[in-house]
Each structure stands twice: as structure tokens, then as C-alpha cells.
Amino acid sequence: MAKGESDARSVNSSTSINFENYSQLLDAFKETHEEANRLTLLNNHLKDMNNWLENRVKALEEELNNSKNDFENLEMIYKNFSCKM
């Protein structure tokens, strides 16, 4: 009878250890999964922001080129006006 009780305790102990390991692994997986989801959202947000900033830079470069052209045109007009006087 003692051997049967010992076997039962061994099985219960083994089951308890396996359940604890499983619980620890499950908790670690859940934490990792939550962190991965958080990082995915952050990454998507940063990609959107990067695209917006790239478009903004292009628009500002175009505006700068237009302003340079306007300045050159005004400079020519001024020189032509100054020469006539």
C-alpha cells in the first residue's frame, strides 16, 4: 500500500510541476504577445508619421524651389529696372 501511495504522490507532484511550468510558459507567452501587439501598433504609427514627414519634406522642397525661382525673377526685374534708371 505504501508503494501505491508513493506512486500517487509522485504522479501528483509531477502533474503539479508540469502545471506550474505550463502556467509560467503561458504567462510568458501572453506577456510576449501583448508586447508584440503593442510594438506592432507603435510601428504602424511611426510608419504613418514617417510617410507624412516624407511628404511634408517634398512639399517644403517644392515650396523652396518655387521661392528661389520667384526671388530670381524679382532680382532680374530689379536689375532691369535699375539699369533703365
PDB file of N, CA and C in Angstrom:
ATOM      1  N   MET A   1       0.823  -1.193   0.000  1.00  0.00           N
ATOM      2  CA  MET A   1       0.000   0.000   0.000  1.00  0.00           C
ATOM      3  C   MET A   1       0.866   1.256   0.000  1.00  0.00           C
ATOM      4  N   ALA A   2       1.988   1.181   0.672  1.00  0.00           N
ATOM      5  CA  ALA A   2       2.862   2.338   0.738  1.00  0.00           C
ATOM      6  C   ALA A   2       3.416   2.672  -0.640  1.00  0.00           C
ATOM      7  N   LYS A   3       3.698   1.620  -1.428  1.00  0.00           N
ATOM      8  CA  LYS A   3       4.209   1.856  -2.775  1.00  0.00           C
ATOM      9  C   LYS A   3       3.166   2.565  -3.628  1.00  0.00           C
ATOM     10  N   GLY A   4       1.899   2.190  -3.523  1.00  0.00           N
ATOM     11  CA  GLY A   4       0.815   2.820  -4.269  1.00  0.00           C
ATOM     12  C   GLY A   4       0.654   4.277  -3.890  1.00  0.00           C
ATOM     13  N   GLU A   5       0.750   4.556  -2.614  1.00  0.00           N
ATOM     14  CA  GLU A   5       0.658   5.947  -2.154  1.00  0.00           C
ATOM     15  C   GLU A   5       1.837   6.757  -2.656  1.00  0.00           C
ATOM     16  N   SER A   6       3.016   6.152  -2.667  1.00  0.00           N
ATOM     17  CA  SER A   6       4.216   6.830  -3.143  1.00  0.00           C
ATOM     18  C   SER A   6       4.084   7.148  -4.631  1.00  0.00           C
ATOM     19  N   ASP A   7       3.556   6.170  -5.398  1.00  0.00           N
ATOM     20  CA  ASP A   7       3.354   6.399  -6.828  1.00  0.00           C
ATOM     21  C   ASP A   7       2.340   7.521  -7.067  1.00  0.00           C
ATOM     22  N   ALA A   8       1.276   7.538  -6.285  1.00  0.00           N
ATOM     23  CA  ALA A   8       0.239   8.557  -6.426  1.00  0.00           C
ATOM     24  C   ALA A   8       0.812   9.932  -6.106  1.00  0.00           C
ATOM     25  N   ARG A   9       1.638  10.010  -5.054  1.00  0.00           N
ATOM     26  CA  ARG A   9       2.269  11.287  -4.707  1.00  0.00           C
ATOM     27  C   ARG A   9       3.216  11.748  -5.821  1.00  0.00           C
ATOM     28  N   SER A  10       3.949  10.797  -6.378  1.00  0.00           N
ATOM     29  CA  SER A  10       4.883  11.109  -7.449  1.00  0.00           C
ATOM     30  C   SER A  10       4.139  11.649  -8.670  1.00  0.00           C
ATOM     31  N   VAL A  11       3.020  11.030  -9.014  1.00  0.00           N
ATOM     32  CA  VAL A  11       2.225  11.484 -10.152  1.00  0.00           C
ATOM     33  C   VAL A  11       1.652  12.862  -9.866  1.00  0.00           C
ATOM     34  N   ASN A  12       1.110  13.044  -8.661  1.00  0.00           N
ATOM     35  CA  ASN A  12       0.564  14.354  -8.297  1.00  0.00           C
ATOM     36  C   ASN A  12       1.644  15.425  -8.313  1.00  0.00           C
ATOM     37  N   SER A  13       2.835  15.094  -7.803  1.00  0.00           N
ATOM     38  CA  SER A  13       3.935  16.045  -7.785  1.00  0.00           C
ATOM     39  C   SER A  13       4.362  16.385  -9.213  1.00  0.00           C
ATOM     40  N   SER A  14       4.453  15.386 -10.045  1.00  0.00           N
ATOM     41  CA  SER A  14       4.845  15.594 -11.438  1.00  0.00           C
ATOM     42  C   SER A  14       3.802  16.430 -12.165  1.00  0.00           C
ATOM     43  N   THR A  15       2.522  16.134 -11.927  1.00  0.00           N
ATOM     44  CA  THR A  15       1.446  16.892 -12.552  1.00  0.00           C
ATOM     45  C   THR A  15       1.483  18.334 -12.079  1.00  0.00           C
ATOM     46  N   SER A  16       1.732  18.537 -10.813  1.00  0.00           N
ATOM     47  CA  SER A  16       1.804  19.886 -10.249  1.00  0.00           C
ATOM     48  C   SER A  16       2.953  20.666 -10.883  1.00  0.00           C
ATOM     49  N   ILE A  17       4.108  20.016 -11.020  1.00  0.00           N
ATOM     50  CA  ILE A  17       5.267  20.677 -11.621  1.00  0.00           C
ATOM     51  C   ILE A  17       4.975  21.018 -13.073  1.00  0.00           C
ATOM     52  N   ASN A  18       4.385  20.078 -13.821  1.00  0.00           N
ATOM     53  CA  ASN A  18       4.057  20.330 -15.216  1.00  0.00           C
ATOM     54  C   ASN A  18       3.058  21.476 -15.347  1.00  0.00           C
ATOM     55  N   PHE A  19       2.061  21.527 -14.454  1.00  0.00           N
ATOM     56  CA  PHE A  19       1.078  22.598 -14.499  1.00  0.00           C
ATOM     57  C   PHE A  19       1.730  23.939 -14.199  1.00  0.00           C
ATOM     58  N   GLU A  20       2.634  23.961 -13.210  1.00  0.00           N
ATOM     59  CA  GLU A  20       3.341  25.203 -12.879  1.00  0.00           C
ATOM     60  C   GLU A  20       4.195  25.664 -14.061  1.00  0.00           C
ATOM     61  N   ASN A  21       4.906  24.729 -14.688  1.00  0.00           N
ATOM     62  CA  ASN A  21       5.710  25.080 -15.857  1.00  0.00           C
ATOM     63  C   ASN A  21       4.822  25.598 -16.982  1.00  0.00           C
ATOM     64  N   TYR A  22       3.703  24.923 -17.199  1.00  0.00           N
ATOM     65  CA  TYR A  22       2.771  25.345 -18.241  1.00  0.00           C
ATOM     66  C   TYR A  22       2.238  26.740 -17.940  1.00  0.00           C
ATOM     67  N   SER A  23       1.867  26.968 -16.699  1.00  0.00           N
ATOM     68  CA  SER A  23       1.337  28.278 -16.311  1.00  0.00           C
ATOM     69  C   SER A  23       2.386  29.371 -16.514  1.00  0.00           C
ATOM     70  N   GLN A  24       3.610  29.087 -16.139  1.00  0.00           N
ATOM     71  CA  GLN A  24       4.684  30.059 -16.332  1.00  0.00           C
ATOM     72  C   GLN A  24       4.908  30.337 -17.816  1.00  0.00           C
ATOM     73  N   LEU A  25       4.924  29.276 -18.608  1.00  0.00           N
ATOM     74  CA  LEU A  25       5.109  29.454 -20.048  1.00  0.00           C
ATOM     75  C   LEU A  25       3.942  30.213 -20.666  1.00  0.00           C
ATOM     76  N   LEU A  26       2.733  29.899 -20.232  1.00  0.00           N
ATOM     77  CA  LEU A  26       1.558  30.586 -20.759  1.00  0.00           C
ATOM     78  C   LEU A  26       1.595  32.072 -20.403  1.00  0.00           C
ATOM     79  N   ASP A  27       1.946  32.382 -19.162  1.00  0.00           N
ATOM     80  CA  ASP A  27       2.051  33.784 -18.745  1.00  0.00           C
ATOM     81  C   ASP A  27       3.125  34.516 -19.555  1.00  0.00           C
ATOM     82  N   ALA A  28       4.262  33.866 -19.747  1.00  0.00           N
ATOM     83  CA  ALA A  28       5.335  34.483 -20.524  1.00  0.00           C
ATOM     84  C   ALA A  28       4.888  34.694 -21.964  1.00  0.00           C
ATOM     85  N   PHE A  29       4.180  33.731 -22.528  1.00  0.00           N
ATOM     86  CA  PHE A  29       3.676  33.868 -23.893  1.00  0.00           C
ATOM     87  C   PHE A  29       2.683  35.026 -23.993  1.00  0.00           C
ATOM     88  N   LYS A  30       1.778  35.117 -23.024  1.00  0.00           N
ATOM     89  CA  LYS A  30       0.787  36.198 -23.039  1.00  0.00           C
ATOM     90  C   LYS A  30       1.473  37.558 -22.962  1.00  0.00           C
ATOM     91  N   GLU A  31       2.473  37.680 -22.090  1.00  0.00           N
ATOM     92  CA  GLU A  31       3.211  38.940 -21.970  1.00  0.00           C
ATOM     93  C   GLU A  31       3.927  39.278 -23.276  1.00  0.00           C
ATOM     94  N   THR A  32       4.551  38.273 -23.868  1.00  0.00           N
ATOM     95  CA  THR A  32       5.267  38.478 -25.126  1.00  0.00           C
ATOM     96  C   THR A  32       4.302  38.863 -26.237  1.00  0.00           C
ATOM     97  N   HIS A  33       3.149  38.214 -26.255  1.00  0.00           N
ATOM     98  CA  HIS A  33       2.140  38.505 -27.273  1.00  0.00           C
ATOM     99  C   HIS A  33       1.607  39.931 -27.120  1.00  0.00           C
ATOM    100  N   GLU A  34       1.327  40.333 -25.899  1.00  0.00           N
ATOM    101  CA  GLU A  34       0.854  41.702 -25.646  1.00  0.00           C
ATOM    102  C   GLU A  34       1.911  42.724 -26.066  1.00  0.00           C
ATOM    103  N   GLU A  35       3.167  42.452 -25.746  1.00  0.00           N
ATOM    104  CA  GLU A  35       4.249  43.362 -26.123  1.00  0.00           C
ATOM    105  C   GLU A  35       4.387  43.422 -27.642  1.00  0.00           C
ATOM    106  N   ALA A  36       4.265  42.281 -28.303  1.00  0.00           N
ATOM    107  CA  ALA A  36       4.344  42.254 -29.770  1.00  0.00           C
ATOM    108  C   ALA A  36       3.204  43.069 -30.380  1.00  0.00           C
ATOM    109  N   ASN A  37       2.009  42.952 -29.839  1.00  0.00           N
ATOM    110  CA  ASN A  37       0.871  43.737 -30.339  1.00  0.00           C
ATOM    111  C   ASN A  37       1.097  45.229 -30.116  1.00  0.00           C
ATOM    112  N   ARG A  38       1.629  45.579 -28.958  1.00  0.00           N
ATOM    113  CA  ARG A  38       1.917  46.985 -28.658  1.00  0.00           C
ATOM    114  C   ARG A  38       2.961  47.530 -29.626  1.00  0.00           C
ATOM    115  N   LEU A  39       4.005  46.740 -29.867  1.00  0.00           N
ATOM    116  CA  LEU A  39       5.059  47.180 -30.778  1.00  0.00           C
ATOM    117  C   LEU A  39       4.556  47.275 -32.218  1.00  0.00           C
ATOM    118  N   THR A  40       3.636  46.397 -32.598  1.00  0.00           N
ATOM    119  CA  THR A  40       3.054  46.462 -33.936  1.00  0.00           C
ATOM    120  C   THR A  40       2.287  47.762 -34.116  1.00  0.00           C
ATOM    121  N   LEU A  41       1.487  48.127 -33.125  1.00  0.00           N
ATOM    122  CA  LEU A  41       0.742  49.388 -33.200  1.00  0.00           C
ATOM    123  C   LEU A  41       1.685  50.584 -33.249  1.00  0.00           C
ATOM    124  N   LEU A  42       2.711  50.548 -32.425  1.00  0.00           N
ATOM    125  CA  LEU A  42       3.690  51.634 -32.406  1.00  0.00           C
ATOM    126  C   LEU A  42       4.411  51.724 -33.747  1.00  0.00           C
ATOM    127  N   ASN A  43       4.797  50.581 -34.287  1.00  0.00           N
ATOM    128  CA  ASN A  43       5.484  50.552 -35.582  1.00  0.00           C
ATOM    129  C   ASN A  43       4.593  51.129 -36.681  1.00  0.00           C
ATOM    130  N   ASN A  44       3.327  50.753 -36.693  1.00  0.00           N
ATOM    131  CA  ASN A  44       2.400  51.285 -37.695  1.00  0.00           C
ATOM    132  C   ASN A  44       2.249  52.798 -37.552  1.00  0.00           C
ATOM    133  N   HIS A  45       2.150  53.262 -36.325  1.00  0.00           N
ATOM    134  CA  HIS A  45       2.039  54.700 -36.072  1.00  0.00           C
ATOM    135  C   HIS A  45       3.282  55.429 -36.585  1.00  0.00           C
ATOM    136  N   LEU A  46       4.453  54.868 -36.295  1.00  0.00           N
ATOM    137  CA  LEU A  46       5.696  55.509 -36.720  1.00  0.00           C
ATOM    138  C   LEU A  46       5.853  55.477 -38.241  1.00  0.00           C
ATOM    139  N   LYS A  47       5.399  54.404 -38.880  1.00  0.00           N
ATOM    140  CA  LYS A  47       5.438  54.348 -40.347  1.00  0.00           C
ATOM    141  C   LYS A  47       4.548  55.436 -40.943  1.00  0.00           C
ATOM    142  N   ASP A  48       3.347  55.587 -40.381  1.00  0.00           N
ATOM    143  CA  ASP A  48       2.444  56.635 -40.858  1.00  0.00           C
ATOM    144  C   ASP A  48       3.066  58.010 -40.679  1.00  0.00           C
ATOM    145  N   MET A  49       3.672  58.235 -39.532  1.00  0.00           N
ATOM    146  CA  MET A  49       4.306  59.518 -39.263  1.00  0.00           C
ATOM    147  C   MET A  49       5.466  59.744 -40.227  1.00  0.00           C
ATOM    148  N   ASN A  50       6.253  58.704 -40.483  1.00  0.00           N
ATOM    149  CA  ASN A  50       7.371  58.809 -41.411  1.00  0.00           C
ATOM    150  C   ASN A  50       6.881  59.165 -42.811  1.00  0.00           C
ATOM    151  N   ASN A  51       5.816  58.516 -43.267  1.00  0.00           N
ATOM    152  CA  ASN A  51       5.253  58.838 -44.586  1.00  0.00           C
ATOM    153  C   ASN A  51       4.778  60.288 -44.643  1.00  0.00           C
ATOM    154  N   TRP A  52       4.116  60.731 -43.590  1.00  0.00           N
ATOM    155  CA  TRP A  52       3.641  62.109 -43.549  1.00  0.00           C
ATOM    156  C   TRP A  52       4.819  63.077 -43.606  1.00  0.00           C
ATOM    157  N   LEU A  53       5.864  62.787 -42.833  1.00  0.00           N
ATOM    158  CA  LEU A  53       7.036  63.666 -42.808  1.00  0.00           C
ATOM    159  C   LEU A  53       7.748  63.682 -44.161  1.00  0.00           C
ATOM    160  N   GLU A  54       7.852  62.522 -44.817  1.00  0.00           N
ATOM    161  CA  GLU A  54       8.476  62.489 -46.141  1.00  0.00           C
ATOM    162  C   GLU A  54       7.684  63.343 -47.127  1.00  0.00           C
ATOM    163  N   ASN A  55       6.367  63.234 -47.079  1.00  0.00           N
ATOM    164  CA  ASN A  55       5.533  64.053 -47.959  1.00  0.00           C
ATOM    165  C   ASN A  55       5.678  65.532 -47.632  1.00  0.00           C
ATOM    166  N   ARG A  56       5.780  65.841 -46.359  1.00  0.00           N
ATOM    167  CA  ARG A  56       5.944  67.237 -45.941  1.00  0.00           C
ATOM    168  C   ARG A  56       7.279  67.795 -46.429  1.00  0.00           C
ATOM    169  N   VAL A  57       8.331  66.987 -46.344  1.00  0.00           N
ATOM    170  CA  VAL A  57       9.648  67.415 -46.830  1.00  0.00           C
ATOM    171  C   VAL A  57       9.587  67.692 -48.325  1.00  0.00           C
ATOM    172  N   LYS A  58       8.932  66.810 -49.082  1.00  0.00           N
ATOM    173  CA  LYS A  58       8.795  67.030 -50.532  1.00  0.00           C
ATOM    174  C   LYS A  58       8.053  68.334 -50.816  1.00  0.00           C
ATOM    175  N   ALA A  59       6.986  68.571 -50.078  1.00  0.00           N
ATOM    176  CA  ALA A  59       6.212  69.805 -50.278  1.00  0.00           C
ATOM    177  C   ALA A  59       7.057  71.030 -49.940  1.00  0.00           C
ATOM    178  N   LEU A  60       7.828  70.964 -48.872  1.00  0.00           N
ATOM    179  CA  LEU A  60       8.672  72.097 -48.488  1.00  0.00           C
ATOM    180  C   LEU A  60       9.810  72.316 -49.479  1.00  0.00           C
ATOM    181  N   GLU A  61      10.356  71.223 -50.016  1.00  0.00           N
ATOM    182  CA  GLU A  61      11.393  71.369 -51.042  1.00  0.00           C
ATOM    183  C   GLU A  61      10.821  72.042 -52.285  1.00  0.00           C
ATOM    184  N   GLU A  62       9.617  71.652 -52.665  1.00  0.00           N
ATOM    185  CA  GLU A  62       8.964  72.272 -53.818  1.00  0.00           C
ATOM    186  C   GLU A  62       8.696  73.748 -53.554  1.00  0.00           C
ATOM    187  N   GLU A  63       8.228  74.046 -52.352  1.00  0.00           N
ATOM    188  CA  GLU A  63       7.976  75.445 -51.986  1.00  0.00           C
ATOM    189  C   GLU A  63       9.274  76.250 -51.997  1.00  0.00           C
ATOM    190  N   LEU A  64      10.355  75.652 -51.515  1.00  0.00           N
ATOM    191  CA  LEU A  64      11.653  76.323 -51.521  1.00  0.00           C
ATOM    192  C   LEU A  64      12.107  76.606 -52.954  1.00  0.00           C
ATOM    193  N   ASN A  65      11.969  75.618 -53.834  1.00  0.00           N
ATOM    194  CA  ASN A  65      12.357  75.830 -55.236  1.00  0.00           C
ATOM    195  C   ASN A  65      11.508  76.917 -55.880  1.00  0.00           C
ATOM    196  N   ASN A  66      10.224  76.925 -55.599  1.00  0.00           N
ATOM    197  CA  ASN A  66       9.348  77.978 -56.125  1.00  0.00           C
ATOM    198  C   ASN A  66       9.759  79.349 -55.594  1.00  0.00           C
ATOM    199  N   SER A  67      10.106  79.404 -54.328  1.00  0.00           N
ATOM    200  CA  SER A  67      10.539  80.682 -53.737  1.00  0.00           C
ATOM    201  C   SER A  67      11.853  81.150 -54.345  1.00  0.00           C
ATOM    202  N   LYS A  68      12.766  80.207 -54.619  1.00  0.00           N
ATOM    203  CA  LYS A  68      14.029  80.568 -55.270  1.00  0.00           C
ATOM    204  C   LYS A  68      13.763  81.139 -56.654  1.00  0.00           C
ATOM    205  N   ASN A  69      12.873  80.485 -57.397  1.00  0.00           N
ATOM    206  CA  ASN A  69      12.527  80.982 -58.733  1.00  0.00           C
ATOM    207  C   ASN A  69      11.892  82.365 -58.663  1.00  0.00           C
ATOM    208  N   ASP A  70      10.985  82.549 -57.723  1.00  0.00           N
ATOM    209  CA  ASP A  70      10.353  83.859 -57.545  1.00  0.00           C
ATOM    210  C   ASP A  70      11.403  84.918 -57.205  1.00  0.00           C
ATOM    211  N   PHE A  71      12.336  84.566 -56.328  1.00  0.00           N
ATOM    212  CA  PHE A  71      13.387  85.502 -55.945  1.00  0.00           C
ATOM    213  C   PHE A  71      14.255  85.864 -57.146  1.00  0.00           C
ATOM    214  N   GLU A  72      14.634  84.852 -57.940  1.00  0.00           N
ATOM    215  CA  GLU A  72      15.451  85.112 -59.132  1.00  0.00           C
ATOM    216  C   GLU A  72      14.708  86.007 -60.119  1.00  0.00           C
ATOM    217  N   ASN A  73      13.418  85.755 -60.288  1.00  0.00           N
ATOM    218  CA  ASN A  73      12.618  86.604 -61.179  1.00  0.00           C
ATOM    219  C   ASN A  73      12.547  88.038 -60.665  1.00  0.00           C
ATOM    220  N   LEU A  74      12.326  88.199 -59.387  1.00  0.00           N
ATOM    221  CA  LEU A  74      12.282  89.543 -58.800  1.00  0.00           C
ATOM    222  C   LEU A  74      13.640  90.239 -58.905  1.00  0.00           C
ATOM    223  N   GLU A  75      14.697  89.467 -58.724  1.00  0.00           N
ATOM    224  CA  GLU A  75      16.043  90.017 -58.827  1.00  0.00           C
ATOM    225  C   GLU A  75      16.302  90.515 -60.261  1.00  0.00           C
ATOM    226  N   MET A  76      15.862  89.747 -61.252  1.00  0.00           N
ATOM    227  CA  MET A  76      16.012  90.167 -62.652  1.00  0.00           C
ATOM    228  C   MET A  76      15.213  91.428 -62.934  1.00  0.00           C
ATOM    229  N   ILE A  77      14.001  91.462 -62.448  1.00  0.00           N
ATOM    230  CA  ILE A  77      13.151  92.641 -62.637  1.00  0.00           C
ATOM    231  C   ILE A  77      13.807  93.855 -62.008  1.00  0.00           C
ATOM    232  N   TYR A  78      14.352  93.695 -60.820  1.00  0.00           N
ATOM    233  CA  TYR A  78      15.012  94.806 -60.128  1.00  0.00           C
ATOM    234  C   TYR A  78      16.226  95.296 -60.913  1.00  0.00           C
ATOM    235  N   LYS A  79      17.038  94.330 -61.411  1.00  0.00           N
ATOM    236  CA  LYS A  79      18.230  94.708 -62.188  1.00  0.00           C
ATOM    237  C   LYS A  79      17.835  95.436 -63.464  1.00  0.00           C
ATOM    238  N   ASN A  80      16.815  94.931 -64.153  1.00  0.00           N
ATOM    239  CA  ASN A  80      16.351  95.582 -65.369  1.00  0.00           C
ATOM    240  C   ASN A  80      15.803  96.988 -65.066  1.00  0.00           C
ATOM    241  N   PHE A  81      15.106  97.115 -63.998  1.00  0.00           N
ATOM    242  CA  PHE A  81      14.552  98.419 -63.605  1.00  0.00           C
ATOM    243  C   PHE A  81      15.680  99.363 -63.230  1.00  0.00           C
ATOM    244  N   SER A  82      16.699  98.870 -62.541  1.00  0.00           N
ATOM    245  CA  SER A  82      17.822  99.710 -62.113  1.00  0.00           C
ATOM    246  C   SER A  82      18.635 100.170 -63.302  1.00  0.00           C
ATOM    247  N   CYS A  83      18.776  99.340 -64.310  1.00  0.00           N
ATOM    248  CA  CYS A  83      19.564  99.681 -65.491  1.00  0.00           C
ATOM    249  C   CYS A  83      18.870 100.791 -66.300  1.00  0.00           C
ATOM    250  N   LYS A  84      17.561 100.808 -66.312  1.00  0.00           N
ATOM    251  CA  LYS A  84      16.808 101.788 -67.083  1.00  0.00           C
ATOM    252  C   LYS A  84      16.847 103.154 -66.422  1.00  0.00           C
ATOM    253  N   MET A  85      17.158 103.213 -65.199  1.00  0.00           N
ATOM    254  CA  MET A  85      17.141 104.499 -64.496  1.00  0.00           C
ATOM    255  C   MET A  85      18.435 105.176 -64.582  1.00  0.00           C
TER     256      MET A  85
END
